[in-house]
């Protein structure tokens, strides 16, 4: 940003960071704020935000040296600590990055739920989707690009389903009526399915998944 940083600069920086982490949830994301002048007032503000948002703040000065212009980057704040759960998990075992790894971390009945969910998605998806195994989650790909409007985290006893921008009161009510307990994480809808849940509620789950797939196809 030219000149001194201001409120809109900070808001846009955090907004862009949030958009990217939602599109690519398996990666570690860091917000980077660059301006010619980081005033003490706003430095205090971003220092407070850095308690929850991984943030790097850089002051950029243009200096004239002889006949040349030299850019001088000064890092005035750097808060990029990993979350505690990420640190703990990495110490226990290497994060899984293949189906074999996920089977070992989870359980075959839970991986079967994952396969069944993919089959439900592909009843309406165009093009057809494949499971994309990552270190911290299992997403979707059509072979050429990632389609993580929904992604999965297999656990020992259940499959955790995260639907990006999927939360609304109607869907939540439909799940609750079926004694499934949806969770809200901002605009995400999160659902835990055990091996007995999907056969019992397949029609309901399929109808909602098909709504989401249709929105992606449109």
N, C-alpha and C. Protein backbone atom coordinates (compact mmCIF):
# COMPACT_ATOMS: atom_id res chain seq x y z
N UNK A 1 0.84 -1.19 0.00
CA UNK A 1 0.00 0.00 0.00
C UNK A 1 0.88 1.25 0.00
N UNK A 2 0.53 2.21 -0.83
CA UNK A 2 1.25 3.48 -0.84
C UNK A 2 0.89 4.28 0.41
N UNK A 3 1.88 4.95 0.97
CA UNK A 3 1.63 5.77 2.14
C UNK A 3 1.48 4.96 3.40
N UNK A 4 0.82 5.57 4.40
CA UNK A 4 0.64 4.92 5.71
C UNK A 4 -0.52 3.93 5.64
N UNK A 5 -0.40 2.88 6.44
CA UNK A 5 -1.49 1.91 6.49
C UNK A 5 -2.71 2.54 7.16
N UNK A 6 -3.89 1.97 6.85
CA UNK A 6 -5.12 2.48 7.45
C UNK A 6 -6.07 1.32 7.72
N UNK A 7 -7.29 1.65 8.19
CA UNK A 7 -8.24 0.61 8.58
C UNK A 7 -8.60 -0.30 7.42
N UNK A 8 -8.84 0.28 6.24
CA UNK A 8 -9.27 -0.53 5.10
C UNK A 8 -8.18 -1.49 4.67
N UNK A 9 -6.93 -1.06 4.77
CA UNK A 9 -5.79 -1.90 4.41
C UNK A 9 -5.77 -3.14 5.31
N UNK A 10 -5.93 -2.96 6.59
CA UNK A 10 -5.91 -4.07 7.55
C UNK A 10 -7.07 -5.02 7.29
N UNK A 11 -8.25 -4.46 7.07
CA UNK A 11 -9.44 -5.30 6.85
C UNK A 11 -9.28 -6.13 5.58
N UNK A 12 -8.80 -5.52 4.50
CA UNK A 12 -8.62 -6.25 3.24
C UNK A 12 -7.59 -7.36 3.40
N UNK A 13 -6.53 -7.08 4.12
CA UNK A 13 -5.49 -8.07 4.34
C UNK A 13 -6.06 -9.31 5.03
N UNK A 14 -6.82 -9.10 6.09
CA UNK A 14 -7.41 -10.23 6.84
C UNK A 14 -8.48 -10.93 6.00
N UNK A 15 -9.23 -10.16 5.23
CA UNK A 15 -10.27 -10.74 4.38
C UNK A 15 -9.65 -11.66 3.33
N UNK A 16 -8.57 -11.22 2.67
CA UNK A 16 -7.92 -12.04 1.66
C UNK A 16 -7.35 -13.32 2.30
N UNK A 17 -6.76 -13.17 3.49
CA UNK A 17 -6.25 -14.35 4.21
C UNK A 17 -7.36 -15.34 4.48
N UNK A 18 -8.51 -14.86 4.93
CA UNK A 18 -9.64 -15.73 5.26
C UNK A 18 -10.16 -16.43 4.01
N UNK A 19 -10.24 -15.74 2.89
CA UNK A 19 -10.72 -16.34 1.65
C UNK A 19 -9.80 -17.48 1.22
N UNK A 20 -8.50 -17.24 1.27
CA UNK A 20 -7.54 -18.25 0.82
C UNK A 20 -7.55 -19.47 1.71
N UNK A 21 -7.66 -19.29 3.04
CA UNK A 21 -7.64 -20.45 3.94
C UNK A 21 -8.90 -21.29 3.79
N UNK A 22 -10.01 -20.66 3.37
CA UNK A 22 -11.24 -21.42 3.13
C UNK A 22 -11.16 -22.21 1.82
N UNK A 23 -10.53 -21.63 0.81
CA UNK A 23 -10.39 -22.32 -0.46
C UNK A 23 -9.41 -23.49 -0.34
N UNK A 24 -8.32 -23.27 0.40
CA UNK A 24 -7.28 -24.30 0.55
C UNK A 24 -7.06 -24.59 2.04
N UNK A 25 -7.99 -25.30 2.68
CA UNK A 25 -7.93 -25.47 4.14
C UNK A 25 -6.79 -26.36 4.61
N UNK A 26 -6.20 -27.14 3.72
CA UNK A 26 -5.14 -28.04 4.14
C UNK A 26 -3.78 -27.39 4.26
N UNK A 27 -3.67 -26.14 3.87
CA UNK A 27 -2.39 -25.45 3.90
C UNK A 27 -2.35 -24.44 5.04
N UNK A 28 -1.15 -24.12 5.45
CA UNK A 28 -0.97 -23.06 6.44
C UNK A 28 -0.94 -21.72 5.70
N UNK A 29 -1.76 -20.79 6.14
CA UNK A 29 -1.85 -19.49 5.48
C UNK A 29 -1.39 -18.38 6.43
N UNK A 30 -0.80 -17.37 5.86
CA UNK A 30 -0.30 -16.24 6.64
C UNK A 30 -0.71 -14.94 5.95
N UNK A 31 -1.26 -14.02 6.71
CA UNK A 31 -1.61 -12.70 6.19
C UNK A 31 -0.36 -11.82 6.19
N UNK A 32 -0.11 -11.14 5.08
CA UNK A 32 1.07 -10.27 4.96
C UNK A 32 0.59 -8.85 4.66
N UNK A 33 0.95 -7.93 5.52
CA UNK A 33 0.56 -6.53 5.37
C UNK A 33 1.80 -5.71 5.03
N UNK A 34 1.78 -5.01 3.88
CA UNK A 34 2.93 -4.22 3.43
C UNK A 34 2.47 -2.79 3.21
N UNK A 35 3.20 -1.84 3.76
CA UNK A 35 2.88 -0.42 3.57
C UNK A 35 4.16 0.39 3.69
N UNK A 36 4.09 1.61 3.18
CA UNK A 36 5.26 2.49 3.27
C UNK A 36 5.50 2.94 4.71
N UNK A 37 4.40 3.08 5.45
CA UNK A 37 4.54 3.57 6.82
C UNK A 37 3.58 2.80 7.72
N UNK A 38 4.13 2.12 8.71
CA UNK A 38 3.32 1.41 9.70
C UNK A 38 3.31 2.28 10.95
N UNK A 39 2.26 3.02 11.14
CA UNK A 39 2.21 3.93 12.28
C UNK A 39 2.05 3.16 13.58
N UNK A 40 2.47 3.77 14.68
CA UNK A 40 2.41 3.09 15.98
C UNK A 40 0.98 2.74 16.36
N UNK A 41 0.03 3.58 15.95
CA UNK A 41 -1.37 3.31 16.26
C UNK A 41 -1.83 1.99 15.66
N UNK A 42 -1.58 1.83 14.37
CA UNK A 42 -2.03 0.61 13.71
C UNK A 42 -1.13 -0.58 14.00
N UNK A 43 0.11 -0.32 14.35
CA UNK A 43 0.97 -1.43 14.76
C UNK A 43 0.41 -2.08 16.03
N UNK A 44 -0.11 -1.28 16.94
CA UNK A 44 -0.73 -1.83 18.15
C UNK A 44 -1.96 -2.68 17.80
N UNK A 45 -2.73 -2.19 16.81
CA UNK A 45 -3.93 -2.92 16.40
C UNK A 45 -3.57 -4.27 15.80
N UNK A 46 -2.64 -4.29 14.84
CA UNK A 46 -2.29 -5.55 14.19
C UNK A 46 -1.58 -6.50 15.16
N UNK A 47 -0.88 -5.95 16.15
CA UNK A 47 -0.26 -6.81 17.16
C UNK A 47 -1.32 -7.55 17.96
N UNK A 48 -2.43 -6.89 18.24
CA UNK A 48 -3.55 -7.55 18.92
C UNK A 48 -4.16 -8.63 18.04
N UNK A 49 -4.35 -8.32 16.75
CA UNK A 49 -4.93 -9.29 15.82
C UNK A 49 -4.03 -10.50 15.63
N UNK A 50 -2.73 -10.28 15.74
CA UNK A 50 -1.78 -11.36 15.52
C UNK A 50 -1.88 -12.44 16.58
N UNK A 51 -2.64 -12.18 17.64
CA UNK A 51 -2.85 -13.23 18.63
C UNK A 51 -3.72 -14.35 18.10
N UNK A 52 -4.53 -14.07 17.07
CA UNK A 52 -5.41 -15.08 16.49
C UNK A 52 -5.18 -15.30 15.00
N UNK A 53 -4.62 -14.32 14.31
CA UNK A 53 -4.36 -14.43 12.88
C UNK A 53 -2.85 -14.47 12.65
N UNK A 54 -2.32 -15.50 11.97
CA UNK A 54 -0.88 -15.50 11.64
C UNK A 54 -0.59 -14.33 10.71
N UNK A 55 0.26 -13.44 11.15
CA UNK A 55 0.39 -12.15 10.47
C UNK A 55 1.84 -11.70 10.41
N UNK A 56 2.23 -11.21 9.23
CA UNK A 56 3.54 -10.58 9.04
C UNK A 56 3.29 -9.16 8.56
N UNK A 57 3.94 -8.19 9.20
CA UNK A 57 3.80 -6.79 8.84
C UNK A 57 5.15 -6.28 8.35
N UNK A 58 5.18 -5.71 7.14
CA UNK A 58 6.43 -5.25 6.52
C UNK A 58 6.29 -3.78 6.14
N UNK A 59 7.30 -3.00 6.52
CA UNK A 59 7.36 -1.60 6.11
C UNK A 59 8.32 -1.49 4.94
N UNK A 60 7.86 -0.89 3.86
CA UNK A 60 8.64 -0.81 2.63
C UNK A 60 9.01 0.64 2.34
N UNK A 61 10.31 0.90 2.23
CA UNK A 61 10.79 2.24 1.93
C UNK A 61 11.57 2.23 0.62
N UNK A 62 11.36 3.25 -0.19
CA UNK A 62 12.13 3.42 -1.42
C UNK A 62 13.23 4.44 -1.17
N UNK A 63 14.47 4.03 -1.39
CA UNK A 63 15.61 4.89 -1.12
C UNK A 63 16.35 5.19 -2.43
N UNK A 64 16.80 6.40 -2.56
CA UNK A 64 17.59 6.79 -3.74
C UNK A 64 19.07 6.67 -3.38
N UNK A 65 19.74 5.77 -4.08
CA UNK A 65 21.18 5.56 -3.87
C UNK A 65 21.88 5.85 -5.19
N UNK A 66 22.51 7.00 -5.25
CA UNK A 66 23.12 7.42 -6.51
C UNK A 66 22.03 7.63 -7.55
N UNK A 67 22.14 6.93 -8.66
CA UNK A 67 21.13 7.02 -9.72
C UNK A 67 20.12 5.90 -9.63
N UNK A 68 20.17 5.14 -8.56
CA UNK A 68 19.30 3.96 -8.44
C UNK A 68 18.27 4.14 -7.32
N UNK A 69 17.16 3.44 -7.47
CA UNK A 69 16.15 3.37 -6.41
C UNK A 69 16.23 1.99 -5.77
N UNK A 70 16.41 1.96 -4.47
CA UNK A 70 16.56 0.71 -3.73
C UNK A 70 15.34 0.53 -2.82
N UNK A 71 14.76 -0.66 -2.87
CA UNK A 71 13.63 -0.97 -2.00
C UNK A 71 14.15 -1.62 -0.72
N UNK A 72 13.76 -1.05 0.40
CA UNK A 72 14.21 -1.53 1.70
C UNK A 72 13.02 -2.12 2.46
N UNK A 73 13.01 -3.44 2.66
CA UNK A 73 11.93 -4.12 3.37
C UNK A 73 12.33 -4.32 4.83
N UNK A 74 11.49 -3.85 5.74
CA UNK A 74 11.76 -4.01 7.17
C UNK A 74 10.58 -4.76 7.79
N UNK A 75 10.86 -5.93 8.33
CA UNK A 75 9.80 -6.71 8.97
C UNK A 75 9.61 -6.20 10.39
N UNK A 76 8.45 -5.60 10.65
CA UNK A 76 8.22 -4.99 11.96
C UNK A 76 7.40 -5.89 12.87
N UNK A 77 6.76 -6.92 12.31
CA UNK A 77 5.98 -7.87 13.12
C UNK A 77 5.93 -9.20 12.40
N UNK A 78 6.10 -10.29 13.14
CA UNK A 78 6.05 -11.63 12.55
C UNK A 78 5.45 -12.59 13.57
N UNK A 79 4.19 -12.93 13.36
CA UNK A 79 3.50 -13.88 14.25
C UNK A 79 2.97 -15.02 13.40
N UNK A 80 3.73 -16.11 13.31
CA UNK A 80 3.32 -17.22 12.46
C UNK A 80 3.39 -18.54 13.20
N UNK A 81 3.00 -18.56 14.45
CA UNK A 81 3.07 -19.78 15.24
C UNK A 81 2.02 -20.77 14.75
N UNK A 82 2.37 -22.06 14.76
CA UNK A 82 1.39 -23.10 14.47
C UNK A 82 0.38 -23.21 15.59
N UNK A 83 -0.84 -23.68 15.26
CA UNK A 83 -1.80 -23.98 16.30
C UNK A 83 -1.27 -25.11 17.15
N UNK A 84 -1.68 -25.14 18.41
CA UNK A 84 -1.20 -26.17 19.33
C UNK A 84 -1.53 -27.57 18.82
N UNK A 85 -2.75 -27.78 18.25
CA UNK A 85 -3.12 -29.11 17.81
C UNK A 85 -2.27 -29.57 16.63
N UNK A 86 -1.84 -28.62 15.75
CA UNK A 86 -0.97 -28.99 14.65
C UNK A 86 0.39 -29.44 15.16
N UNK A 87 0.92 -28.71 16.14
CA UNK A 87 2.22 -29.05 16.70
C UNK A 87 2.16 -30.41 17.35
N UNK A 88 1.13 -30.67 18.12
CA UNK A 88 1.00 -31.94 18.82
C UNK A 88 0.88 -33.09 17.84
N UNK A 89 0.06 -32.92 16.80
CA UNK A 89 -0.14 -33.99 15.84
C UNK A 89 1.14 -34.32 15.12
N UNK A 90 1.92 -33.31 14.76
CA UNK A 90 3.15 -33.57 14.03
C UNK A 90 4.17 -34.30 14.88
N UNK A 91 4.12 -34.13 16.19
CA UNK A 91 5.04 -34.84 17.08
C UNK A 91 4.64 -36.30 17.23
N UNK A 92 3.34 -36.59 17.21
CA UNK A 92 2.86 -37.94 17.43
C UNK A 92 3.18 -38.83 16.23
N UNK A 93 2.85 -38.36 15.01
CA UNK A 93 3.08 -39.14 13.82
C UNK A 93 3.09 -38.23 12.61
N UNK A 94 3.72 -38.67 11.53
CA UNK A 94 3.68 -37.86 10.31
C UNK A 94 2.24 -37.75 9.82
N UNK A 95 1.84 -36.58 9.33
CA UNK A 95 0.47 -36.43 8.85
C UNK A 95 0.22 -37.29 7.62
N UNK A 96 -0.98 -37.88 7.49
CA UNK A 96 -1.26 -38.76 6.36
C UNK A 96 -1.39 -38.00 5.06
N UNK A 97 -0.95 -38.63 3.96
CA UNK A 97 -1.06 -37.98 2.66
C UNK A 97 -1.48 -38.96 1.57
N UNK A 98 -1.94 -40.15 1.96
CA UNK A 98 -2.41 -41.14 1.01
C UNK A 98 -3.56 -41.90 1.64
N UNK A 99 -4.28 -42.69 0.84
CA UNK A 99 -5.38 -43.46 1.40
C UNK A 99 -4.88 -44.45 2.46
N UNK A 100 -3.74 -45.07 2.19
CA UNK A 100 -3.18 -46.01 3.16
C UNK A 100 -2.94 -45.33 4.50
N UNK A 101 -2.39 -44.12 4.47
CA UNK A 101 -2.15 -43.38 5.70
C UNK A 101 -3.46 -43.11 6.43
N UNK A 102 -4.49 -42.71 5.69
CA UNK A 102 -5.78 -42.39 6.31
C UNK A 102 -6.45 -43.63 6.87
N UNK A 103 -6.31 -44.78 6.20
CA UNK A 103 -6.88 -46.02 6.74
C UNK A 103 -6.22 -46.36 8.07
N UNK A 104 -4.91 -46.16 8.17
CA UNK A 104 -4.20 -46.44 9.41
C UNK A 104 -4.60 -45.46 10.51
N UNK A 105 -4.82 -44.22 10.14
CA UNK A 105 -5.20 -43.22 11.13
C UNK A 105 -6.65 -43.36 11.53
N UNK A 106 -7.49 -43.77 10.61
CA UNK A 106 -8.92 -43.88 10.86
C UNK A 106 -9.28 -45.36 11.05
N UNK A 107 -10.27 -45.84 10.31
CA UNK A 107 -10.70 -47.24 10.39
C UNK A 107 -11.44 -47.58 9.10
N UNK A 108 -11.39 -48.84 8.66
CA UNK A 108 -12.06 -49.22 7.40
C UNK A 108 -13.55 -48.85 7.35
N UNK A 109 -14.34 -49.03 8.43
CA UNK A 109 -15.76 -48.64 8.33
C UNK A 109 -15.94 -47.14 8.09
N UNK A 110 -15.06 -46.32 8.64
CA UNK A 110 -15.16 -44.88 8.43
C UNK A 110 -14.74 -44.53 7.01
N UNK A 111 -13.73 -45.21 6.49
CA UNK A 111 -13.33 -44.96 5.10
C UNK A 111 -14.42 -45.39 4.13
N UNK A 112 -15.23 -46.39 4.54
CA UNK A 112 -16.35 -46.79 3.69
C UNK A 112 -17.40 -45.67 3.61
N UNK A 113 -17.61 -44.96 4.74
CA UNK A 113 -18.51 -43.80 4.71
C UNK A 113 -17.98 -42.78 3.70
N UNK A 114 -16.67 -42.57 3.71
CA UNK A 114 -16.04 -41.62 2.78
C UNK A 114 -16.32 -42.02 1.33
N UNK A 115 -16.17 -43.31 1.03
CA UNK A 115 -16.44 -43.79 -0.33
C UNK A 115 -17.91 -43.61 -0.69
N UNK A 116 -18.79 -43.88 0.28
CA UNK A 116 -20.23 -43.72 0.03
C UNK A 116 -20.59 -42.26 -0.22
N UNK A 117 -19.94 -41.35 0.51
CA UNK A 117 -20.19 -39.92 0.30
C UNK A 117 -19.75 -39.50 -1.10
N UNK A 118 -18.62 -40.03 -1.54
CA UNK A 118 -18.16 -39.72 -2.90
C UNK A 118 -19.17 -40.22 -3.93
N UNK A 119 -19.73 -41.41 -3.70
CA UNK A 119 -20.73 -41.96 -4.63
C UNK A 119 -21.97 -41.06 -4.68
N UNK A 120 -22.39 -40.54 -3.53
CA UNK A 120 -23.54 -39.63 -3.48
C UNK A 120 -23.23 -38.35 -4.25
N UNK A 121 -22.03 -37.81 -4.05
CA UNK A 121 -21.63 -36.59 -4.77
C UNK A 121 -21.66 -36.82 -6.27
N UNK A 122 -21.15 -37.98 -6.70
CA UNK A 122 -21.04 -38.25 -8.13
C UNK A 122 -22.36 -38.63 -8.79
N UNK A 123 -23.42 -38.82 -8.00
CA UNK A 123 -24.75 -39.00 -8.59
C UNK A 123 -25.19 -37.74 -9.33
N UNK A 124 -24.66 -36.58 -8.92
CA UNK A 124 -25.06 -35.31 -9.55
C UNK A 124 -23.89 -34.51 -10.11
N UNK A 125 -22.67 -34.86 -9.71
CA UNK A 125 -21.52 -34.04 -10.08
C UNK A 125 -21.18 -34.17 -11.57
N UNK A 126 -20.82 -33.07 -12.17
CA UNK A 126 -20.37 -33.04 -13.56
C UNK A 126 -19.29 -31.97 -13.69
N UNK A 127 -18.03 -32.36 -13.86
CA UNK A 127 -17.52 -33.72 -14.06
C UNK A 127 -17.48 -34.52 -12.76
N UNK A 128 -17.27 -35.83 -12.88
CA UNK A 128 -17.21 -36.70 -11.72
C UNK A 128 -15.99 -36.36 -10.87
N UNK A 129 -16.16 -36.55 -9.57
CA UNK A 129 -15.10 -36.18 -8.62
C UNK A 129 -14.33 -37.41 -8.15
N UNK A 130 -13.11 -37.15 -7.70
CA UNK A 130 -12.27 -38.17 -7.08
C UNK A 130 -11.86 -37.68 -5.70
N UNK A 131 -11.52 -38.62 -4.83
CA UNK A 131 -11.01 -38.24 -3.52
C UNK A 131 -9.56 -37.77 -3.67
N UNK A 132 -9.24 -36.68 -2.99
CA UNK A 132 -7.92 -36.07 -3.05
C UNK A 132 -7.33 -36.10 -1.64
N UNK A 133 -6.39 -37.02 -1.41
CA UNK A 133 -5.87 -37.26 -0.06
C UNK A 133 -4.76 -36.26 0.26
N UNK A 134 -4.97 -35.48 1.32
CA UNK A 134 -4.01 -34.49 1.77
C UNK A 134 -3.56 -34.81 3.19
N UNK A 135 -2.67 -34.01 3.70
CA UNK A 135 -2.10 -34.30 5.02
C UNK A 135 -3.10 -34.18 6.15
N UNK A 136 -3.99 -33.18 6.08
CA UNK A 136 -4.88 -32.91 7.20
C UNK A 136 -6.35 -33.10 6.86
N UNK A 137 -6.66 -33.45 5.63
CA UNK A 137 -8.06 -33.65 5.24
C UNK A 137 -8.09 -34.39 3.91
N UNK A 138 -9.28 -34.87 3.56
CA UNK A 138 -9.50 -35.49 2.25
C UNK A 138 -10.46 -34.59 1.49
N UNK A 139 -10.02 -34.07 0.36
CA UNK A 139 -10.86 -33.18 -0.43
C UNK A 139 -11.33 -33.85 -1.71
N UNK A 140 -11.70 -33.04 -2.68
CA UNK A 140 -12.18 -33.52 -3.96
C UNK A 140 -11.38 -32.90 -5.09
N UNK A 141 -11.29 -33.63 -6.19
CA UNK A 141 -10.69 -33.10 -7.40
C UNK A 141 -11.38 -33.74 -8.59
N UNK A 142 -11.51 -33.00 -9.67
CA UNK A 142 -12.08 -33.58 -10.89
C UNK A 142 -10.98 -34.05 -11.83
N UNK A 143 -9.75 -34.11 -11.32
CA UNK A 143 -8.61 -34.54 -12.12
C UNK A 143 -7.78 -33.40 -12.64
N UNK A 144 -8.39 -32.20 -12.72
CA UNK A 144 -7.65 -31.04 -13.20
C UNK A 144 -7.64 -29.91 -12.18
N UNK A 145 -8.70 -29.83 -11.36
CA UNK A 145 -8.71 -28.77 -10.35
C UNK A 145 -9.39 -29.25 -9.07
N UNK A 146 -9.04 -28.62 -7.98
CA UNK A 146 -9.58 -28.96 -6.67
C UNK A 146 -10.99 -28.42 -6.54
N UNK A 147 -11.88 -29.20 -5.89
CA UNK A 147 -13.27 -28.79 -5.70
C UNK A 147 -13.63 -28.98 -4.23
N UNK A 148 -13.07 -28.18 -3.37
CA UNK A 148 -13.24 -28.38 -1.93
C UNK A 148 -14.42 -27.61 -1.34
N UNK A 149 -15.56 -27.60 -2.03
CA UNK A 149 -16.75 -27.05 -1.41
C UNK A 149 -17.19 -27.93 -0.25
N UNK A 150 -16.76 -29.19 -0.27
CA UNK A 150 -16.96 -30.12 0.84
C UNK A 150 -15.66 -30.91 1.01
N UNK A 151 -15.25 -31.13 2.24
CA UNK A 151 -14.07 -31.95 2.48
C UNK A 151 -14.26 -32.74 3.76
N UNK A 152 -13.37 -33.70 4.01
CA UNK A 152 -13.62 -34.72 5.03
C UNK A 152 -12.38 -34.93 5.91
N UNK A 153 -12.66 -35.26 7.16
CA UNK A 153 -11.60 -35.62 8.10
C UNK A 153 -11.98 -36.94 8.78
N UNK A 154 -11.47 -38.06 8.27
CA UNK A 154 -11.78 -39.35 8.89
C UNK A 154 -11.18 -39.47 10.29
N UNK A 155 -12.01 -39.90 11.23
CA UNK A 155 -11.56 -40.17 12.59
C UNK A 155 -11.69 -41.68 12.86
N UNK A 156 -11.37 -42.09 14.07
CA UNK A 156 -11.44 -43.51 14.39
C UNK A 156 -12.87 -44.05 14.35
N UNK A 157 -13.83 -43.26 14.84
CA UNK A 157 -15.19 -43.75 14.99
C UNK A 157 -16.21 -43.03 14.13
N UNK A 158 -15.81 -41.97 13.46
CA UNK A 158 -16.75 -41.23 12.62
C UNK A 158 -16.02 -40.47 11.54
N UNK A 159 -16.80 -40.04 10.55
CA UNK A 159 -16.28 -39.18 9.47
C UNK A 159 -16.76 -37.77 9.72
N UNK A 160 -15.84 -36.83 9.80
CA UNK A 160 -16.18 -35.43 9.98
C UNK A 160 -16.29 -34.78 8.61
N UNK A 161 -17.46 -34.21 8.33
CA UNK A 161 -17.76 -33.61 7.03
C UNK A 161 -17.84 -32.10 7.21
N UNK A 162 -17.09 -31.36 6.44
CA UNK A 162 -17.10 -29.90 6.51
C UNK A 162 -17.59 -29.37 5.17
N UNK A 163 -18.69 -28.63 5.21
CA UNK A 163 -19.28 -28.06 4.00
C UNK A 163 -19.06 -26.55 4.03
N UNK A 164 -18.24 -26.06 3.12
CA UNK A 164 -17.94 -24.63 3.09
C UNK A 164 -19.14 -23.84 2.59
N UNK A 165 -19.44 -22.76 3.31
CA UNK A 165 -20.58 -21.91 3.00
C UNK A 165 -21.88 -22.71 2.92
N UNK A 166 -21.96 -23.78 3.73
CA UNK A 166 -23.12 -24.66 3.67
C UNK A 166 -24.12 -24.45 4.78
N UNK A 167 -23.78 -23.59 5.75
CA UNK A 167 -24.68 -23.43 6.89
C UNK A 167 -25.88 -22.56 6.52
N UNK A 168 -27.06 -23.08 6.81
CA UNK A 168 -28.26 -22.25 6.87
C UNK A 168 -29.25 -22.93 7.81
N UNK A 169 -30.23 -22.19 8.26
CA UNK A 169 -31.13 -22.71 9.29
C UNK A 169 -31.97 -23.88 8.78
N UNK A 170 -32.33 -23.86 7.50
CA UNK A 170 -33.14 -24.94 6.96
C UNK A 170 -32.39 -26.26 6.99
N UNK A 171 -31.14 -26.27 6.50
CA UNK A 171 -30.37 -27.51 6.52
C UNK A 171 -30.12 -27.98 7.95
N UNK A 172 -29.80 -27.04 8.83
CA UNK A 172 -29.57 -27.40 10.23
C UNK A 172 -30.81 -28.04 10.84
N UNK A 173 -31.98 -27.48 10.56
CA UNK A 173 -33.23 -28.02 11.11
C UNK A 173 -33.50 -29.42 10.59
N UNK A 174 -33.24 -29.64 9.32
CA UNK A 174 -33.48 -30.97 8.73
C UNK A 174 -32.57 -32.02 9.37
N UNK A 175 -31.32 -31.65 9.61
CA UNK A 175 -30.41 -32.59 10.28
C UNK A 175 -30.84 -32.84 11.73
N UNK A 176 -31.25 -31.79 12.41
CA UNK A 176 -31.65 -31.95 13.81
C UNK A 176 -32.89 -32.81 13.95
N UNK A 177 -33.83 -32.70 13.01
CA UNK A 177 -35.03 -33.54 13.04
C UNK A 177 -34.68 -35.02 12.91
N UNK A 178 -33.57 -35.31 12.27
CA UNK A 178 -33.12 -36.69 12.10
C UNK A 178 -32.19 -37.13 13.22
N UNK A 179 -32.09 -36.31 14.28
CA UNK A 179 -31.22 -36.59 15.43
C UNK A 179 -29.74 -36.60 15.05
N UNK A 180 -29.42 -35.92 13.97
CA UNK A 180 -28.02 -35.64 13.65
C UNK A 180 -27.71 -34.25 14.20
N UNK A 181 -26.51 -34.05 14.67
CA UNK A 181 -26.18 -32.79 15.35
C UNK A 181 -25.23 -31.96 14.49
N UNK A 182 -25.77 -31.09 13.66
CA UNK A 182 -24.90 -30.24 12.85
C UNK A 182 -24.21 -29.19 13.71
N UNK A 183 -23.00 -28.83 13.33
CA UNK A 183 -22.26 -27.77 14.01
C UNK A 183 -22.07 -26.61 13.05
N UNK A 184 -22.03 -25.40 13.59
CA UNK A 184 -21.79 -24.22 12.77
C UNK A 184 -20.42 -23.65 13.10
N UNK A 185 -19.62 -23.45 12.07
CA UNK A 185 -18.31 -22.80 12.21
C UNK A 185 -18.28 -21.65 11.21
N UNK A 186 -18.63 -20.45 11.68
CA UNK A 186 -18.86 -19.31 10.79
C UNK A 186 -19.95 -19.72 9.79
N UNK A 187 -19.61 -19.76 8.48
CA UNK A 187 -20.62 -20.16 7.50
C UNK A 187 -20.47 -21.62 7.07
N UNK A 188 -19.63 -22.36 7.77
CA UNK A 188 -19.46 -23.77 7.47
C UNK A 188 -20.48 -24.62 8.22
N UNK A 189 -20.94 -25.68 7.58
CA UNK A 189 -21.79 -26.67 8.23
C UNK A 189 -20.93 -27.91 8.45
N UNK A 190 -20.87 -28.37 9.69
CA UNK A 190 -20.01 -29.50 10.04
C UNK A 190 -20.89 -30.62 10.59
N UNK A 191 -20.63 -31.84 10.13
CA UNK A 191 -21.45 -32.98 10.53
C UNK A 191 -20.54 -34.18 10.77
N UNK A 192 -20.79 -34.88 11.86
CA UNK A 192 -20.06 -36.11 12.16
C UNK A 192 -20.96 -37.31 11.88
N UNK A 193 -20.51 -38.22 11.01
CA UNK A 193 -21.30 -39.40 10.67
C UNK A 193 -20.60 -40.66 11.14
N UNK A 194 -21.30 -41.48 11.91
CA UNK A 194 -20.79 -42.79 12.31
C UNK A 194 -21.17 -43.82 11.25
N UNK A 195 -20.59 -45.03 11.29
CA UNK A 195 -20.94 -46.04 10.28
C UNK A 195 -22.41 -46.39 10.22
N UNK A 196 -23.16 -46.17 11.31
CA UNK A 196 -24.60 -46.49 11.28
C UNK A 196 -25.46 -45.32 10.82
N UNK A 197 -24.91 -44.11 10.80
CA UNK A 197 -25.71 -42.92 10.46
C UNK A 197 -26.07 -42.85 8.98
N UNK A 198 -25.11 -43.15 8.13
CA UNK A 198 -25.36 -42.95 6.70
C UNK A 198 -26.44 -43.90 6.16
N UNK A 199 -26.40 -45.20 6.45
CA UNK A 199 -27.50 -46.06 5.96
C UNK A 199 -28.87 -45.62 6.48
N UNK A 200 -28.91 -45.14 7.70
CA UNK A 200 -30.18 -44.76 8.32
C UNK A 200 -30.74 -43.47 7.72
N UNK A 201 -29.86 -42.53 7.36
CA UNK A 201 -30.30 -41.21 6.91
C UNK A 201 -29.81 -40.88 5.50
N UNK A 202 -29.62 -41.90 4.69
CA UNK A 202 -29.02 -41.67 3.37
C UNK A 202 -29.84 -40.71 2.52
N UNK A 203 -31.16 -40.85 2.52
CA UNK A 203 -31.99 -40.01 1.67
C UNK A 203 -31.86 -38.53 2.04
N UNK A 204 -31.88 -38.25 3.33
CA UNK A 204 -31.73 -36.87 3.79
C UNK A 204 -30.36 -36.32 3.42
N UNK A 205 -29.32 -37.08 3.73
CA UNK A 205 -27.96 -36.62 3.46
C UNK A 205 -27.75 -36.42 1.96
N UNK A 206 -28.26 -37.37 1.16
CA UNK A 206 -28.10 -37.27 -0.29
C UNK A 206 -28.82 -36.04 -0.84
N UNK A 207 -30.01 -35.75 -0.32
CA UNK A 207 -30.75 -34.60 -0.84
C UNK A 207 -30.01 -33.29 -0.59
N UNK A 208 -29.38 -33.16 0.58
CA UNK A 208 -28.64 -31.94 0.89
C UNK A 208 -27.33 -31.88 0.10
N UNK A 209 -26.66 -33.01 -0.01
CA UNK A 209 -25.42 -33.03 -0.81
C UNK A 209 -25.72 -32.70 -2.26
N UNK A 210 -26.83 -33.20 -2.78
CA UNK A 210 -27.18 -32.91 -4.18
C UNK A 210 -27.48 -31.43 -4.37
N UNK A 211 -28.07 -30.78 -3.37
CA UNK A 211 -28.29 -29.32 -3.43
C UNK A 211 -26.95 -28.60 -3.60
N UNK A 212 -25.98 -29.03 -2.81
CA UNK A 212 -24.67 -28.37 -2.84
C UNK A 212 -23.96 -28.60 -4.17
N UNK A 213 -24.05 -29.85 -4.67
CA UNK A 213 -23.41 -30.17 -5.95
C UNK A 213 -24.06 -29.36 -7.08
N UNK A 214 -25.39 -29.25 -7.04
CA UNK A 214 -26.08 -28.48 -8.08
C UNK A 214 -25.63 -27.02 -8.07
N UNK A 215 -25.39 -26.48 -6.89
CA UNK A 215 -24.91 -25.10 -6.80
C UNK A 215 -23.52 -24.96 -7.40
N UNK A 216 -22.70 -26.00 -7.26
CA UNK A 216 -21.36 -25.96 -7.84
C UNK A 216 -21.41 -26.11 -9.36
N UNK A 217 -22.37 -26.89 -9.85
CA UNK A 217 -22.48 -27.11 -11.30
C UNK A 217 -23.02 -25.91 -12.04
N UNK A 218 -23.80 -25.08 -11.31
CA UNK A 218 -24.45 -23.95 -11.98
C UNK A 218 -23.48 -22.82 -12.28
